[in-house]
């Protein structure tokens, strides 16, 4: 999970072998709203667009399946 793009203001996530849960990436945007990837499980990946301004950081969120 991390940032991508010319200004590092997009967020991506890639999962390996995940058992019993899902994860997604959240871009903590300096200007609202934050951006999110799709929830992904084992051996999946997702990315999302760009923050309107800059991104302060990428945050990993998890949930039980």
N, C-alpha and C. Protein backbone atom coordinates (compact mmCIF):
# COMPACT_ATOMS: atom_id res chain seq x y z
N UNK A 1 0.83 -1.15 0.00
CA UNK A 1 0.00 0.00 0.00
C UNK A 1 0.89 1.22 0.00
N UNK A 2 0.47 2.26 -0.72
CA UNK A 2 1.26 3.48 -0.74
C UNK A 2 0.68 4.50 -1.69
N UNK A 3 1.50 5.49 -1.99
CA UNK A 3 1.06 6.56 -2.88
C UNK A 3 1.68 6.37 -4.26
N UNK A 4 1.08 7.04 -5.26
CA UNK A 4 1.63 6.99 -6.61
C UNK A 4 1.29 8.29 -7.32
N UNK A 5 1.87 8.47 -8.47
CA UNK A 5 1.59 9.65 -9.29
C UNK A 5 2.69 10.68 -9.19
N UNK A 6 2.64 11.64 -10.09
CA UNK A 6 3.66 12.69 -10.18
C UNK A 6 3.84 13.41 -8.85
N UNK A 7 2.75 13.71 -8.17
CA UNK A 7 2.81 14.43 -6.89
C UNK A 7 2.56 13.52 -5.69
N UNK A 8 2.60 12.22 -5.91
CA UNK A 8 2.33 11.23 -4.85
C UNK A 8 1.01 11.52 -4.15
N UNK A 9 -0.04 11.78 -4.95
CA UNK A 9 -1.34 12.11 -4.36
C UNK A 9 -2.44 11.15 -4.77
N UNK A 10 -2.05 9.94 -5.18
CA UNK A 10 -2.99 8.85 -5.41
C UNK A 10 -2.67 7.72 -4.45
N UNK A 11 -3.61 6.81 -4.23
CA UNK A 11 -3.38 5.73 -3.27
C UNK A 11 -3.64 4.38 -3.95
N UNK A 12 -2.81 3.36 -3.60
CA UNK A 12 -2.96 2.01 -4.16
C UNK A 12 -2.78 0.99 -3.05
N UNK A 13 -3.31 -0.22 -3.29
CA UNK A 13 -3.14 -1.32 -2.34
C UNK A 13 -3.03 -2.61 -3.13
N UNK A 14 -2.21 -3.53 -2.64
CA UNK A 14 -2.07 -4.86 -3.23
C UNK A 14 -1.95 -5.86 -2.08
N UNK A 15 -2.78 -6.89 -2.09
CA UNK A 15 -2.79 -7.88 -1.01
C UNK A 15 -2.22 -9.20 -1.48
N UNK A 16 -1.51 -9.85 -0.59
CA UNK A 16 -1.05 -11.21 -0.82
C UNK A 16 -2.09 -12.18 -0.30
N UNK A 17 -1.65 -13.18 0.41
CA UNK A 17 -2.55 -14.20 0.95
C UNK A 17 -3.23 -13.66 2.21
N UNK A 18 -4.52 -13.30 2.10
CA UNK A 18 -5.29 -12.75 3.21
C UNK A 18 -6.33 -13.78 3.63
N UNK A 19 -6.39 -14.08 4.92
CA UNK A 19 -7.35 -15.06 5.43
C UNK A 19 -8.31 -14.36 6.38
N UNK A 20 -9.60 -14.45 6.09
CA UNK A 20 -10.63 -13.95 7.00
C UNK A 20 -10.81 -12.45 7.06
N UNK A 21 -10.37 -11.72 6.07
CA UNK A 21 -10.55 -10.28 6.12
C UNK A 21 -10.31 -9.60 4.80
N UNK A 22 -10.46 -8.29 4.80
CA UNK A 22 -10.22 -7.47 3.63
C UNK A 22 -9.48 -6.21 4.06
N UNK A 23 -8.91 -5.52 3.09
CA UNK A 23 -8.19 -4.29 3.36
C UNK A 23 -8.47 -3.29 2.25
N UNK A 24 -8.30 -2.02 2.58
CA UNK A 24 -8.37 -0.97 1.57
C UNK A 24 -7.41 0.14 1.95
N UNK A 25 -7.06 0.94 0.98
CA UNK A 25 -6.19 2.08 1.22
C UNK A 25 -7.02 3.35 1.26
N UNK A 26 -6.63 4.27 2.13
CA UNK A 26 -7.28 5.58 2.20
C UNK A 26 -6.21 6.64 2.03
N UNK A 27 -6.46 7.57 1.13
CA UNK A 27 -5.56 8.71 0.96
C UNK A 27 -6.04 9.85 1.85
N UNK A 28 -5.21 10.25 2.79
CA UNK A 28 -5.53 11.36 3.70
C UNK A 28 -5.23 12.66 2.97
N UNK A 29 -6.24 13.19 2.28
CA UNK A 29 -6.06 14.37 1.43
C UNK A 29 -6.02 15.66 2.26
N UNK A 30 -5.15 16.57 1.86
CA UNK A 30 -5.06 17.87 2.54
C UNK A 30 -6.36 18.65 2.36
N UNK A 31 -7.02 18.50 1.24
CA UNK A 31 -8.33 19.11 0.99
C UNK A 31 -9.36 18.00 0.91
N UNK A 32 -10.48 18.15 1.61
CA UNK A 32 -11.52 17.12 1.63
C UNK A 32 -12.05 16.93 0.22
N UNK A 33 -12.58 15.79 -0.17
CA UNK A 33 -12.72 14.57 0.63
C UNK A 33 -11.51 13.65 0.48
N UNK A 34 -11.35 12.72 1.43
CA UNK A 34 -10.33 11.68 1.30
C UNK A 34 -10.71 10.74 0.17
N UNK A 35 -9.73 10.00 -0.36
CA UNK A 35 -10.00 9.02 -1.41
C UNK A 35 -9.77 7.62 -0.86
N UNK A 36 -10.48 6.64 -1.43
CA UNK A 36 -10.42 5.25 -0.96
C UNK A 36 -10.25 4.31 -2.14
N UNK A 37 -9.54 3.21 -1.93
CA UNK A 37 -9.54 2.12 -2.91
C UNK A 37 -10.74 1.23 -2.60
N UNK A 38 -10.98 0.26 -3.45
CA UNK A 38 -12.00 -0.75 -3.17
C UNK A 38 -11.48 -1.68 -2.08
N UNK A 39 -12.39 -2.35 -1.38
CA UNK A 39 -11.99 -3.39 -0.43
C UNK A 39 -11.45 -4.56 -1.24
N UNK A 40 -10.29 -5.09 -0.86
CA UNK A 40 -9.69 -6.21 -1.58
C UNK A 40 -9.37 -7.34 -0.61
N UNK A 41 -9.37 -8.55 -1.15
CA UNK A 41 -9.01 -9.75 -0.39
C UNK A 41 -7.70 -10.30 -0.92
N UNK A 42 -7.50 -11.60 -0.74
CA UNK A 42 -6.26 -12.24 -1.14
C UNK A 42 -5.99 -12.15 -2.63
N UNK A 43 -4.77 -11.80 -2.97
CA UNK A 43 -4.25 -11.74 -4.34
C UNK A 43 -5.03 -10.78 -5.23
N UNK A 44 -5.43 -9.65 -4.67
CA UNK A 44 -6.13 -8.62 -5.44
C UNK A 44 -5.40 -7.29 -5.25
N UNK A 45 -5.69 -6.35 -6.14
CA UNK A 45 -5.13 -5.00 -5.98
C UNK A 45 -6.17 -3.98 -6.42
N UNK A 46 -5.99 -2.75 -6.01
CA UNK A 46 -6.90 -1.66 -6.37
C UNK A 46 -6.15 -0.34 -6.25
N UNK A 47 -6.56 0.63 -7.04
CA UNK A 47 -6.01 1.97 -6.92
C UNK A 47 -7.15 2.96 -7.10
N UNK A 48 -6.94 4.21 -6.69
CA UNK A 48 -7.97 5.22 -6.82
C UNK A 48 -7.34 6.50 -7.33
N UNK A 49 -8.19 7.43 -7.72
CA UNK A 49 -7.76 8.67 -8.37
C UNK A 49 -6.84 9.53 -7.53
N UNK A 50 -7.04 10.80 -7.55
CA UNK A 50 -6.10 11.76 -6.98
C UNK A 50 -6.78 12.65 -5.96
N UNK A 51 -6.01 13.06 -4.96
CA UNK A 51 -6.49 14.08 -4.03
C UNK A 51 -6.58 15.41 -4.79
N UNK A 52 -7.52 16.25 -4.41
CA UNK A 52 -7.67 17.54 -5.09
C UNK A 52 -6.42 18.39 -4.92
N UNK A 53 -5.83 18.35 -3.74
CA UNK A 53 -4.62 19.12 -3.49
C UNK A 53 -3.50 18.12 -3.25
N UNK A 54 -2.93 18.07 -2.10
CA UNK A 54 -1.88 17.09 -1.83
C UNK A 54 -2.39 16.03 -0.87
N UNK A 55 -1.65 14.94 -0.76
CA UNK A 55 -2.02 13.86 0.15
C UNK A 55 -1.03 13.85 1.30
N UNK A 56 -1.55 13.88 2.53
CA UNK A 56 -0.69 13.89 3.72
C UNK A 56 -0.09 12.51 3.97
N UNK A 57 -0.79 11.45 3.55
CA UNK A 57 -0.27 10.11 3.76
C UNK A 57 -1.28 9.06 3.33
N UNK A 58 -0.81 7.82 3.24
CA UNK A 58 -1.67 6.67 2.89
C UNK A 58 -1.91 5.86 4.16
N UNK A 59 -3.17 5.47 4.36
CA UNK A 59 -3.58 4.76 5.58
C UNK A 59 -4.18 3.42 5.18
N UNK A 60 -3.78 2.37 5.88
CA UNK A 60 -4.31 1.02 5.66
C UNK A 60 -5.50 0.80 6.58
N UNK A 61 -6.65 0.40 6.03
CA UNK A 61 -7.83 0.06 6.81
C UNK A 61 -8.16 -1.41 6.59
N UNK A 62 -8.57 -2.10 7.65
CA UNK A 62 -8.91 -3.53 7.56
C UNK A 62 -10.29 -3.78 8.13
N UNK A 63 -10.89 -4.89 7.71
CA UNK A 63 -12.17 -5.33 8.28
C UNK A 63 -12.25 -6.86 8.17
N UNK A 64 -13.00 -7.46 9.08
CA UNK A 64 -13.22 -8.90 9.03
C UNK A 64 -14.21 -9.21 7.92
N UNK A 65 -14.03 -10.33 7.25
CA UNK A 65 -14.92 -10.70 6.15
C UNK A 65 -16.13 -11.44 6.66
